[in-house]
PDB file of N, CA and C in Angstrom:
ATOM      1  N   MET A   1      -4.108 -12.668  -3.574  1.00  0.00           N
ATOM      2  CA  MET A   1      -3.372 -11.456  -3.289  1.00  0.00           C
ATOM      3  C   MET A   1      -3.101 -11.413  -1.788  1.00  0.00           C
ATOM      4  N   LEU A   2      -1.834 -11.377  -1.433  1.00  0.00           N
ATOM      5  CA  LEU A   2      -1.438 -11.278  -0.036  1.00  0.00           C
ATOM      6  C   LEU A   2      -0.837  -9.909   0.218  1.00  0.00           C
ATOM      7  N   ILE A   3      -1.396  -9.215   1.196  1.00  0.00           N
ATOM      8  CA  ILE A   3      -0.902  -7.905   1.566  1.00  0.00           C
ATOM      9  C   ILE A   3      -0.800  -7.873   3.079  1.00  0.00           C
ATOM     10  N   ASP A   4       0.349  -7.514   3.578  1.00  0.00           N
ATOM     11  CA  ASP A   4       0.506  -7.365   5.022  1.00  0.00           C
ATOM     12  C   ASP A   4       0.158  -5.921   5.356  1.00  0.00           C
ATOM     13  N   LEU A   5      -1.063  -5.710   5.816  1.00  0.00           N
ATOM     14  CA  LEU A   5      -1.529  -4.356   6.102  1.00  0.00           C
ATOM     15  C   LEU A   5      -0.866  -3.754   7.331  1.00  0.00           C
ATOM     16  N   ARG A   6      -0.089  -4.558   8.054  1.00  0.00           N
ATOM     17  CA  ARG A   6       0.590  -4.032   9.234  1.00  0.00           C
ATOM     18  C   ARG A   6       1.751  -3.131   8.848  1.00  0.00           C
ATOM     19  N   LYS A   7       2.186  -3.211   7.611  1.00  0.00           N
ATOM     20  CA  LYS A   7       3.318  -2.373   7.166  1.00  0.00           C
ATOM     21  C   LYS A   7       3.203  -2.109   5.665  1.00  0.00           C
ATOM     22  N   VAL A   8       2.332  -1.202   5.329  1.00  0.00           N
ATOM     23  CA  VAL A   8       2.083  -0.861   3.935  1.00  0.00           C
ATOM     24  C   VAL A   8       3.070   0.202   3.473  1.00  0.00           C
ATOM     25  N   ALA A   9       3.695  -0.054   2.341  1.00  0.00           N
ATOM     26  CA  ALA A   9       4.627   0.898   1.744  1.00  0.00           C
ATOM     27  C   ALA A   9       3.972   1.521   0.507  1.00  0.00           C
ATOM     28  N   PRO A  10       4.484   2.657   0.037  1.00  0.00           N
ATOM     29  CA  PRO A  10       3.930   3.275  -1.174  1.00  0.00           C
ATOM     30  C   PRO A  10       3.882   2.279  -2.327  1.00  0.00           C
ATOM     31  N   GLY A  11       2.726   2.209  -2.965  1.00  0.00           N
ATOM     32  CA  GLY A  11       2.543   1.312  -4.103  1.00  0.00           C
ATOM     33  C   GLY A  11       2.095  -0.085  -3.728  1.00  0.00           C
ATOM     34  N   ASP A  12       1.990  -0.379  -2.434  1.00  0.00           N
ATOM     35  CA  ASP A  12       1.605  -1.725  -1.977  1.00  0.00           C
ATOM     36  C   ASP A  12       0.107  -1.989  -1.997  1.00  0.00           C
ATOM     37  N   LEU A  13      -0.681  -0.974  -1.862  1.00  0.00           N
ATOM     38  CA  LEU A  13      -2.114  -1.148  -1.636  1.00  0.00           C
ATOM     39  C   LEU A  13      -2.866  -1.324  -2.952  1.00  0.00           C
ATOM     40  N   PRO A  14      -3.586  -2.437  -3.117  1.00  0.00           N
ATOM     41  CA  PRO A  14      -4.410  -2.600  -4.317  1.00  0.00           C
ATOM     42  C   PRO A  14      -5.530  -1.551  -4.335  1.00  0.00           C
ATOM     43  N   LEU A  15      -5.942  -1.176  -5.521  1.00  0.00           N
ATOM     44  CA  LEU A  15      -6.954  -0.132  -5.674  1.00  0.00           C
ATOM     45  C   LEU A  15      -8.246  -0.466  -4.939  1.00  0.00           C
ATOM     46  N   ASP A  16      -8.717  -1.697  -5.041  1.00  0.00           N
ATOM     47  CA  ASP A  16      -9.980  -2.057  -4.389  1.00  0.00           C
ATOM     48  C   ASP A  16      -9.879  -1.946  -2.866  1.00  0.00           C
ATOM     49  N   VAL A  17      -8.729  -2.271  -2.300  1.00  0.00           N
ATOM     50  CA  VAL A  17      -8.527  -2.136  -0.855  1.00  0.00           C
ATOM     51  C   VAL A  17      -8.472  -0.654  -0.486  1.00  0.00           C
ATOM     52  N   PHE A  18      -7.766   0.141  -1.276  1.00  0.00           N
ATOM     53  CA  PHE A  18      -7.706   1.585  -1.044  1.00  0.00           C
ATOM     54  C   PHE A  18      -9.112   2.177  -1.033  1.00  0.00           C
ATOM     55  N   LYS A  19      -9.916   1.803  -2.005  1.00  0.00           N
ATOM     56  CA  LYS A  19     -11.288   2.336  -2.098  1.00  0.00           C
ATOM     57  C   LYS A  19     -12.104   2.014  -0.856  1.00  0.00           C
ATOM     58  N   GLU A  20     -11.903   0.830  -0.285  1.00  0.00           N
ATOM     59  CA  GLU A  20     -12.627   0.465   0.939  1.00  0.00           C
ATOM     60  C   GLU A  20     -12.201   1.343   2.111  1.00  0.00           C
ATOM     61  N   PHE A  21     -10.917   1.616   2.223  1.00  0.00           N
ATOM     62  CA  PHE A  21     -10.441   2.445   3.326  1.00  0.00           C
ATOM     63  C   PHE A  21     -10.884   3.893   3.191  1.00  0.00           C
ATOM     64  N   ILE A  22     -11.067   4.358   1.984  1.00  0.00           N
ATOM     65  CA  ILE A  22     -11.363   5.761   1.744  1.00  0.00           C
ATOM     66  C   ILE A  22     -12.878   6.011   1.591  1.00  0.00           C
ATOM     67  N   ALA A  23     -13.655   4.932   1.537  1.00  0.00           N
ATOM     68  CA  ALA A  23     -15.082   4.998   1.187  1.00  0.00           C
ATOM     69  C   ALA A  23     -15.885   6.021   1.981  1.00  0.00           C
ATOM     70  N   ASP A  24     -15.737   6.077   3.278  1.00  0.00           N
ATOM     71  CA  ASP A  24     -16.563   6.977   4.084  1.00  0.00           C
ATOM     72  C   ASP A  24     -15.830   8.239   4.524  1.00  0.00           C
ATOM     73  N   SER A  25     -14.752   8.555   3.848  1.00  0.00           N
ATOM     74  CA  SER A  25     -13.978   9.737   4.232  1.00  0.00           C
ATOM     75  C   SER A  25     -14.629  11.007   3.697  1.00  0.00           C
ATOM     76  N   ASP A  26     -14.240  12.100   4.284  1.00  0.00           N
ATOM     77  CA  ASP A  26     -14.719  13.400   3.800  1.00  0.00           C
ATOM     78  C   ASP A  26     -13.605  14.117   3.039  1.00  0.00           C
ATOM     79  N   TYR A  27     -12.637  13.359   2.548  1.00  0.00           N
ATOM     80  CA  TYR A  27     -11.522  13.931   1.805  1.00  0.00           C
ATOM     81  C   TYR A  27     -11.999  14.491   0.466  1.00  0.00           C
ATOM     82  N   SER A  28     -11.358  15.556   0.040  1.00  0.00           N
ATOM     83  CA  SER A  28     -11.682  16.141  -1.260  1.00  0.00           C
ATOM     84  C   SER A  28     -11.248  15.174  -2.362  1.00  0.00           C
ATOM     85  N   PRO A  29     -11.850  15.299  -3.545  1.00  0.00           N
ATOM     86  CA  PRO A  29     -11.442  14.433  -4.656  1.00  0.00           C
ATOM     87  C   PRO A  29      -9.943  14.525  -4.965  1.00  0.00           C
ATOM     88  N   SER A  30      -9.369  15.726  -4.845  1.00  0.00           N
ATOM     89  CA  SER A  30      -7.937  15.857  -5.123  1.00  0.00           C
ATOM     90  C   SER A  30      -7.095  15.169  -4.040  1.00  0.00           C
ATOM     91  N   MET A  31      -7.560  15.183  -2.788  1.00  0.00           N
ATOM     92  CA  MET A  31      -6.847  14.493  -1.707  1.00  0.00           C
ATOM     93  C   MET A  31      -6.912  12.983  -1.931  1.00  0.00           C
ATOM     94  N   VAL A  32      -8.084  12.494  -2.303  1.00  0.00           N
ATOM     95  CA  VAL A  32      -8.248  11.057  -2.575  1.00  0.00           C
ATOM     96  C   VAL A  32      -7.333  10.641  -3.724  1.00  0.00           C
ATOM     97  N   ALA A  33      -7.297  11.450  -4.768  1.00  0.00           N
ATOM     98  CA  ALA A  33      -6.456  11.133  -5.927  1.00  0.00           C
ATOM     99  C   ALA A  33      -4.979  11.106  -5.548  1.00  0.00           C
ATOM    100  N   ALA A  34      -4.551  12.060  -4.733  1.00  0.00           N
ATOM    101  CA  ALA A  34      -3.148  12.111  -4.319  1.00  0.00           C
ATOM    102  C   ALA A  34      -2.800  10.938  -3.416  1.00  0.00           C
ATOM    103  N   LEU A  35      -3.682  10.605  -2.479  1.00  0.00           N
ATOM    104  CA  LEU A  35      -3.460   9.452  -1.602  1.00  0.00           C
ATOM    105  C   LEU A  35      -3.397   8.164  -2.420  1.00  0.00           C
ATOM    106  N   CYS A  36      -4.277   8.051  -3.395  1.00  0.00           N
ATOM    107  CA  CYS A  36      -4.290   6.884  -4.279  1.00  0.00           C
ATOM    108  C   CYS A  36      -2.988   6.810  -5.077  1.00  0.00           C
ATOM    109  N   ASP A  37      -2.585   7.926  -5.629  1.00  0.00           N
ATOM    110  CA  ASP A  37      -1.329   7.954  -6.392  1.00  0.00           C
ATOM    111  C   ASP A  37      -0.171   7.424  -5.547  1.00  0.00           C
ATOM    112  N   HIS A  38      -0.140   7.841  -4.295  1.00  0.00           N
ATOM    113  CA  HIS A  38       0.968   7.446  -3.427  1.00  0.00           C
ATOM    114  C   HIS A  38       0.844   5.998  -2.943  1.00  0.00           C
ATOM    115  N   LEU A  39      -0.299   5.637  -2.378  1.00  0.00           N
ATOM    116  CA  LEU A  39      -0.452   4.314  -1.764  1.00  0.00           C
ATOM    117  C   LEU A  39      -0.658   3.188  -2.768  1.00  0.00           C
ATOM    118  N   VAL A  40      -1.313   3.482  -3.885  1.00  0.00           N
ATOM    119  CA  VAL A  40      -1.605   2.450  -4.884  1.00  0.00           C
ATOM    120  C   VAL A  40      -0.543   2.422  -5.975  1.00  0.00           C
ATOM    121  N   GLU A  41      -0.199   3.600  -6.489  1.00  0.00           N
ATOM    122  CA  GLU A  41       0.728   3.678  -7.623  1.00  0.00           C
ATOM    123  C   GLU A  41       2.190   3.839  -7.208  1.00  0.00           C
ATOM    124  N   GLY A  42       2.422   4.229  -5.952  1.00  0.00           N
ATOM    125  CA  GLY A  42       3.795   4.394  -5.486  1.00  0.00           C
ATOM    126  C   GLY A  42       4.423   5.726  -5.838  1.00  0.00           C
ATOM    127  N   VAL A  43       3.607   6.691  -6.224  1.00  0.00           N
ATOM    128  CA  VAL A  43       4.105   8.027  -6.582  1.00  0.00           C
ATOM    129  C   VAL A  43       4.666   8.707  -5.331  1.00  0.00           C
ATOM    130  N   ASP A  44       5.800   9.377  -5.465  1.00  0.00           N
ATOM    131  CA  ASP A  44       6.416  10.106  -4.362  1.00  0.00           C
ATOM    132  C   ASP A  44       5.436  11.147  -3.812  1.00  0.00           C
ATOM    133  N   THR A  45       5.465  11.358  -2.499  1.00  0.00           N
ATOM    134  CA  THR A  45       4.517  12.286  -1.880  1.00  0.00           C
ATOM    135  C   THR A  45       4.623  13.694  -2.455  1.00  0.00           C
ATOM    136  N   LYS A  46       5.857  14.161  -2.709  1.00  0.00           N
ATOM    137  CA  LYS A  46       6.033  15.515  -3.257  1.00  0.00           C
ATOM    138  C   LYS A  46       5.387  15.642  -4.628  1.00  0.00           C
ATOM    139  N   VAL A  47       5.501  14.617  -5.437  1.00  0.00           N
ATOM    140  CA  VAL A  47       4.897  14.621  -6.774  1.00  0.00           C
ATOM    141  C   VAL A  47       3.377  14.595  -6.656  1.00  0.00           C
ATOM    142  N   ALA A  48       2.856  13.736  -5.768  1.00  0.00           N
ATOM    143  CA  ALA A  48       1.398  13.635  -5.589  1.00  0.00           C
ATOM    144  C   ALA A  48       0.817  14.971  -5.127  1.00  0.00           C
ATOM    145  N   VAL A  49       1.492  15.614  -4.189  1.00  0.00           N
ATOM    146  CA  VAL A  49       1.026  16.906  -3.670  1.00  0.00           C
ATOM    147  C   VAL A  49       1.027  17.954  -4.778  1.00  0.00           C
ATOM    148  N   LYS A  50       2.114  18.015  -5.529  1.00  0.00           N
ATOM    149  CA  LYS A  50       2.232  19.016  -6.596  1.00  0.00           C
ATOM    150  C   LYS A  50       1.226  18.752  -7.717  1.00  0.00           C
ATOM    151  N   THR A  51       1.103  17.494  -8.106  1.00  0.00           N
ATOM    152  CA  THR A  51       0.195  17.125  -9.197  1.00  0.00           C
ATOM    153  C   THR A  51      -1.242  17.525  -8.890  1.00  0.00           C
ATOM    154  N   HIS A  52      -1.642  17.365  -7.631  1.00  0.00           N
ATOM    155  CA  HIS A  52      -3.040  17.617  -7.267  1.00  0.00           C
ATOM    156  C   HIS A  52      -3.255  18.942  -6.544  1.00  0.00           C
ATOM    157  N   GLY A  53      -2.200  19.773  -6.487  1.00  0.00           N
ATOM    158  CA  GLY A  53      -2.321  21.118  -5.925  1.00  0.00           C
ATOM    159  C   GLY A  53      -2.720  21.149  -4.461  1.00  0.00           C
ATOM    160  N   LEU A  54      -2.124  20.271  -3.653  1.00  0.00           N
ATOM    161  CA  LEU A  54      -2.495  20.182  -2.241  1.00  0.00           C
ATOM    162  C   LEU A  54      -1.458  20.838  -1.342  1.00  0.00           C
ATOM    163  N   ASN A  55      -1.887  21.151  -0.146  1.00  0.00           N
ATOM    164  CA  ASN A  55      -0.991  21.628   0.901  1.00  0.00           C
ATOM    165  C   ASN A  55      -0.231  20.406   1.420  1.00  0.00           C
ATOM    166  N   ALA A  56       1.103  20.486   1.419  1.00  0.00           N
ATOM    167  CA  ALA A  56       1.938  19.339   1.787  1.00  0.00           C
ATOM    168  C   ALA A  56       1.700  18.878   3.227  1.00  0.00           C
ATOM    169  N   THR A  57       1.530  19.819   4.133  1.00  0.00           N
ATOM    170  CA  THR A  57       1.316  19.460   5.539  1.00  0.00           C
ATOM    171  C   THR A  57      -0.017  18.749   5.717  1.00  0.00           C
ATOM    172  N   LYS A  58      -1.047  19.273   5.086  1.00  0.00           N
ATOM    173  CA  LYS A  58      -2.373  18.657   5.189  1.00  0.00           C
ATOM    174  C   LYS A  58      -2.349  17.245   4.577  1.00  0.00           C
ATOM    175  N   PHE A  59      -1.661  17.103   3.462  1.00  0.00           N
ATOM    176  CA  PHE A  59      -1.545  15.787   2.826  1.00  0.00           C
ATOM    177  C   PHE A  59      -0.834  14.808   3.763  1.00  0.00           C
ATOM    178  N   LYS A  60       0.259  15.259   4.372  1.00  0.00           N
ATOM    179  CA  LYS A  60       1.024  14.388   5.267  1.00  0.00           C
ATOM    180  C   LYS A  60       0.169  13.930   6.444  1.00  0.00           C
ATOM    181  N   VAL A  61      -0.610  14.836   7.017  1.00  0.00           N
ATOM    182  CA  VAL A  61      -1.476  14.494   8.147  1.00  0.00           C
ATOM    183  C   VAL A  61      -2.505  13.450   7.720  1.00  0.00           C
ATOM    184  N   ARG A  62      -3.143  13.675   6.572  1.00  0.00           N
ATOM    185  CA  ARG A  62      -4.152  12.717   6.085  1.00  0.00           C
ATOM    186  C   ARG A  62      -3.517  11.366   5.765  1.00  0.00           C
ATOM    187  N   LEU A  63      -2.342  11.396   5.153  1.00  0.00           N
ATOM    188  CA  LEU A  63      -1.638  10.164   4.808  1.00  0.00           C
ATOM    189  C   LEU A  63      -1.278   9.374   6.066  1.00  0.00           C
ATOM    190  N   GLU A  64      -0.725  10.050   7.059  1.00  0.00           N
ATOM    191  CA  GLU A  64      -0.360   9.375   8.307  1.00  0.00           C
ATOM    192  C   GLU A  64      -1.577   8.777   8.993  1.00  0.00           C
ATOM    193  N   LYS A  65      -2.688   9.507   8.987  1.00  0.00           N
ATOM    194  CA  LYS A  65      -3.924   9.015   9.600  1.00  0.00           C
ATOM    195  C   LYS A  65      -4.432   7.771   8.857  1.00  0.00           C
ATOM    196  N   LEU A  66      -4.404   7.817   7.548  1.00  0.00           N
ATOM    197  CA  LEU A  66      -4.876   6.687   6.756  1.00  0.00           C
ATOM    198  C   LEU A  66      -3.966   5.470   6.932  1.00  0.00           C
ATOM    199  N   ILE A  67      -2.657   5.677   6.928  1.00  0.00           N
ATOM    200  CA  ILE A  67      -1.721   4.570   7.125  1.00  0.00           C
ATOM    201  C   ILE A  67      -1.902   3.964   8.515  1.00  0.00           C
ATOM    202  N   GLU A  68      -2.129   4.810   9.501  1.00  0.00           N
ATOM    203  CA  GLU A  68      -2.361   4.319  10.867  1.00  0.00           C
ATOM    204  C   GLU A  68      -3.603   3.420  10.896  1.00  0.00           C
ATOM    205  N   GLU A  69      -4.660   3.836  10.206  1.00  0.00           N
ATOM    206  CA  GLU A  69      -5.887   3.034  10.151  1.00  0.00           C
ATOM    207  C   GLU A  69      -5.646   1.712   9.412  1.00  0.00           C
ATOM    208  N   ILE A  70      -4.923   1.764   8.317  1.00  0.00           N
ATOM    209  CA  ILE A  70      -4.611   0.559   7.547  1.00  0.00           C
ATOM    210  C   ILE A  70      -3.797  -0.413   8.409  1.00  0.00           C
ATOM    211  N   ASN A  71      -2.781   0.105   9.096  1.00  0.00           N
ATOM    212  CA  ASN A  71      -1.950  -0.731   9.969  1.00  0.00           C
ATOM    213  C   ASN A  71      -2.767  -1.337  11.103  1.00  0.00           C
ATOM    214  N   ARG A  72      -3.685  -0.565  11.642  1.00  0.00           N
ATOM    215  CA  ARG A  72      -4.550  -1.054  12.726  1.00  0.00           C
ATOM    216  C   ARG A  72      -5.397  -2.226  12.250  1.00  0.00           C
ATOM    217  N   VAL A  73      -5.966  -2.099  11.077  1.00  0.00           N
ATOM    218  CA  VAL A  73      -6.749  -3.197  10.505  1.00  0.00           C
ATOM    219  C   VAL A  73      -5.858  -4.418  10.279  1.00  0.00           C
ATOM    220  N   GLY A  74      -4.639  -4.175   9.843  1.00  0.00           N
ATOM    221  CA  GLY A  74      -3.695  -5.270   9.652  1.00  0.00           C
ATOM    222  C   GLY A  74      -3.374  -5.991  10.947  1.00  0.00           C
ATOM    223  N   ARG A  75      -3.190  -5.215  12.029  1.00  0.00           N
ATOM    224  CA  ARG A  75      -2.915  -5.834  13.327  1.00  0.00           C
ATOM    225  C   ARG A  75      -4.114  -6.627  13.826  1.00  0.00           C
ATOM    226  N   ILE A  76      -5.306  -6.089  13.636  1.00  0.00           N
ATOM    227  CA  ILE A  76      -6.521  -6.803  14.036  1.00  0.00           C
ATOM    228  C   ILE A  76      -6.644  -8.097  13.237  1.00  0.00           C
ATOM    229  N   ASN A  77      -6.423  -8.002  11.943  1.00  0.00           N
ATOM    230  CA  ASN A  77      -6.493  -9.182  11.088  1.00  0.00           C
ATOM    231  C   ASN A  77      -5.492 -10.249  11.539  1.00  0.00           C
ATOM    232  N   ALA A  78      -4.286  -9.811  11.898  1.00  0.00           N
ATOM    233  CA  ALA A  78      -3.264 -10.757  12.362  1.00  0.00           C
ATOM    234  C   ALA A  78      -3.693 -11.417  13.663  1.00  0.00           C
ATOM    235  N   LEU A  79      -4.338 -10.666  14.538  1.00  0.00           N
ATOM    236  CA  LEU A  79      -4.801 -11.241  15.803  1.00  0.00           C
ATOM    237  C   LEU A  79      -5.892 -12.278  15.590  1.00  0.00           C
ATOM    238  N   LEU A  80      -6.651 -12.105  14.531  1.00  0.00           N
ATOM    239  CA  LEU A  80      -7.743 -13.034  14.247  1.00  0.00           C
ATOM    240  C   LEU A  80      -7.283 -14.290  13.528  1.00  0.00           C
ATOM    241  N   SER A  81      -6.067 -14.270  13.036  1.00  0.00           N
ATOM    242  CA  SER A  81      -5.571 -15.453  12.336  1.00  0.00           C
ATOM    243  C   SER A  81      -5.283 -16.557  13.338  1.00  0.00           C
ATOM    244  N   ILE A  82      -5.316 -17.784  12.862  1.00  0.00           N
ATOM    245  CA  ILE A  82      -5.161 -18.945  13.730  1.00  0.00           C
ATOM    246  C   ILE A  82      -3.765 -19.006  14.344  1.00  0.00           C
ATOM    247  N   ASP A  83      -2.742 -18.793  13.567  1.00  0.00           N
ATOM    248  CA  ASP A  83      -1.370 -18.918  14.057  1.00  0.00           C
ATOM    249  C   ASP A  83      -0.543 -17.768  13.499  1.00  0.00           C
ATOM    250  N   GLN A  84      -0.241 -16.798  14.349  1.00  0.00           N
ATOM    251  CA  GLN A  84       0.479 -15.603  13.917  1.00  0.00           C
ATOM    252  C   GLN A  84       1.824 -15.950  13.290  1.00  0.00           C
ATOM    253  N   ARG A  85       2.529 -16.903  13.846  1.00  0.00           N
ATOM    254  CA  ARG A  85       3.848 -17.295  13.333  1.00  0.00           C
ATOM    255  C   ARG A  85       3.727 -17.813  11.902  1.00  0.00           C
ATOM    256  N   LYS A  86       2.702 -18.618  11.660  1.00  0.00           N
ATOM    257  CA  LYS A  86       2.510 -19.158  10.311  1.00  0.00           C
ATOM    258  C   LYS A  86       2.096 -18.063   9.338  1.00  0.00           C
ATOM    259  N   LEU A  87       1.293 -17.123   9.804  1.00  0.00           N
ATOM    260  CA  LEU A  87       0.902 -16.005   8.951  1.00  0.00           C
ATOM    261  C   LEU A  87       2.132 -15.181   8.567  1.00  0.00           C
ATOM    262  N   ASP A  88       3.009 -14.935   9.538  1.00  0.00           N
ATOM    263  CA  ASP A  88       4.248 -14.211   9.249  1.00  0.00           C
ATOM    264  C   ASP A  88       5.089 -14.969   8.235  1.00  0.00           C
ATOM    265  N   GLN A  89       5.150 -16.297   8.347  1.00  0.00           N
ATOM    266  CA  GLN A  89       5.905 -17.108   7.395  1.00  0.00           C
ATOM    267  C   GLN A  89       5.307 -17.009   5.996  1.00  0.00           C
ATOM    268  N   VAL A  90       3.984 -16.999   5.913  1.00  0.00           N
ATOM    269  CA  VAL A  90       3.311 -16.873   4.615  1.00  0.00           C
ATOM    270  C   VAL A  90       3.691 -15.547   3.961  1.00  0.00           C
ATOM    271  N   PHE A  91       3.664 -14.467   4.735  1.00  0.00           N
ATOM    272  CA  PHE A  91       4.035 -13.161   4.190  1.00  0.00           C
ATOM    273  C   PHE A  91       5.501 -13.131   3.768  1.00  0.00           C
ATOM    274  N   GLU A  92       6.376 -13.733   4.565  1.00  0.00           N
ATOM    275  CA  GLU A  92       7.794 -13.781   4.215  1.00  0.00           C
ATOM    276  C   GLU A  92       8.008 -14.554   2.920  1.00  0.00           C
ATOM    277  N   LEU A  93       7.333 -15.700   2.790  1.00  0.00           N
ATOM    278  CA  LEU A  93       7.459 -16.506   1.576  1.00  0.00           C
ATOM    279  C   LEU A  93       6.880 -15.776   0.364  1.00  0.00           C
ATOM    280  N   ALA A  94       5.743 -15.114   0.557  1.00  0.00           N
ATOM    281  CA  ALA A  94       5.126 -14.370  -0.542  1.00  0.00           C
ATOM    282  C   ALA A  94       6.037 -13.240  -1.009  1.00  0.00           C
ATOM    283  N   ASN A  95       6.664 -12.546  -0.060  1.00  0.00           N
ATOM    284  CA  ASN A  95       7.587 -11.466  -0.416  1.00  0.00           C
ATOM    285  C   ASN A  95       8.816 -12.005  -1.126  1.00  0.00           C
ATOM    286  N   ALA A  96       9.344 -13.130  -0.649  1.00  0.00           N
ATOM    287  CA  ALA A  96      10.512 -13.738  -1.286  1.00  0.00           C
ATOM    288  C   ALA A  96      10.171 -14.175  -2.709  1.00  0.00           C
ATOM    289  N   LEU A  97       9.004 -14.762  -2.877  1.00  0.00           N
ATOM    290  CA  LEU A  97       8.564 -15.193  -4.202  1.00  0.00           C
ATOM    291  C   LEU A  97       8.405 -13.993  -5.136  1.00  0.00           C
ATOM    292  N   ALA A  98       7.805 -12.933  -4.642  1.00  0.00           N
ATOM    293  CA  ALA A  98       7.617 -11.726  -5.456  1.00  0.00           C
ATOM    294  C   ALA A  98       8.969 -11.152  -5.880  1.00  0.00           C
ATOM    295  N   THR A  99       9.934 -11.175  -4.982  1.00  0.00           N
ATOM    296  CA  THR A  99      11.279 -10.683  -5.294  1.00  0.00           C
ATOM    297  C   THR A  99      11.924 -11.536  -6.380  1.00  0.00           C
ATOM    298  N   GLU A 100      11.791 -12.846  -6.254  1.00  0.00           N
ATOM    299  CA  GLU A 100      12.361 -13.755  -7.248  1.00  0.00           C
ATOM    300  C   GLU A 100      11.699 -13.573  -8.614  1.00  0.00           C
ATOM    301  N   VAL A 101      10.391 -13.429  -8.631  1.00  0.00           N
ATOM    302  CA  VAL A 101       9.673 -13.227  -9.895  1.00  0.00           C
ATOM    303  C   VAL A 101      10.104 -11.915 -10.539  1.00  0.00           C
ATOM    304  N   LYS A 102      10.239 -10.876  -9.735  1.00  0.00           N
ATOM    305  CA  LYS A 102      10.686  -9.575 -10.254  1.00  0.00           C
ATOM    306  C   LYS A 102      12.085  -9.698 -10.858  1.00  0.00           C
ATOM    307  N   ALA A 103      12.963 -10.424 -10.174  1.00  0.00           N
ATOM    308  CA  ALA A 103      14.323 -10.616 -10.677  1.00  0.00           C
ATOM    309  C   ALA A 103      14.310 -11.393 -11.994  1.00  0.00           C
ATOM    310  N   LEU A 104      13.479 -12.413 -12.075  1.00  0.00           N
ATOM    311  CA  LEU A 104      13.389 -13.198 -13.308  1.00  0.00           C
ATOM    312  C   LEU A 104      12.851 -12.362 -14.459  1.00  0.00           C
ATOM    313  N   ARG A 105      11.909 -11.497 -14.174  1.00  0.00           N
ATOM    314  CA  ARG A 105      11.332 -10.648 -15.222  1.00  0.00           C
ATOM    315  C   ARG A 105      12.332  -9.626 -15.732  1.00  0.00           C
ATOM    316  N   SER A 106      13.323  -9.287 -14.926  1.00  0.00           N
ATOM    317  CA  SER A 106      14.297  -8.283 -15.339  1.00  0.00           C
ATOM    318  C   SER A 106      15.445  -8.876 -16.152  1.00  0.00           C
ATOM    319  N   ILE A 107      15.515 -10.207 -16.235  1.00  0.00           N
ATOM    320  CA  ILE A 107      16.556 -10.849 -17.028  1.00  0.00           C
ATOM    321  C   ILE A 107      16.187 -10.729 -18.502  1.00  0.00           C
ATOM    322  N   PRO A 108      17.099 -10.201 -19.332  1.00  0.00           N
ATOM    323  CA  PRO A 108      16.794 -10.058 -20.767  1.00  0.00           C
ATOM    324  C   PRO A 108      16.546 -11.435 -21.410  1.00  0.00           C
ATOM    325  N   GLN A 109      15.529 -11.492 -22.213  1.00  0.00           N
ATOM    326  CA  GLN A 109      15.191 -12.731 -22.910  1.00  0.00           C
ATOM    327  C   GLN A 109      16.049 -12.853 -24.166  1.00  0.00           C
ATOM    328  N   THR A 110      16.582 -14.021 -24.430  1.00  0.00           N
ATOM    329  CA  THR A 110      17.364 -14.249 -25.646  1.00  0.00           C
ATOM    330  C   THR A 110      16.608 -15.197 -26.553  1.00  0.00           C
ATOM    331  N   ASP A 111      16.725 -14.976 -27.826  1.00  0.00           N
ATOM    332  CA  ASP A 111      16.071 -15.853 -28.800  1.00  0.00           C
ATOM    333  C   ASP A 111      16.905 -17.115 -28.950  1.00  0.00           C
ATOM    334  N   MET A 112      16.242 -18.230 -28.971  1.00  0.00           N
ATOM    335  CA  MET A 112      16.962 -19.502 -29.125  1.00  0.00           C
ATOM    336  C   MET A 112      16.660 -20.108 -30.448  1.00  0.00           C
TER     337      MET A 112
END
């Protein structure tokens, strides 16, 4: 599993990685669930807030703080890699491959 933590988009974060980032937080269970819905499942922020009965501003602040921490870890990880250029190429290739696989999966299968 390759994830570029320097730029995480909604739905990009695997559940186990999300759990590690949230492990020592003092967030309420509903805040954790809403953050998980957004970062792991890709649920729109407005839907996550409404579903879990949260204050939208408070959710946005927590989300921005968590994303900032995730990005920071990603930058640190990139600095620790042997060759940043090669790491960037790996992420580019992984993203291109994922796009191609998604496109292939969307092609209707015909019976032969």
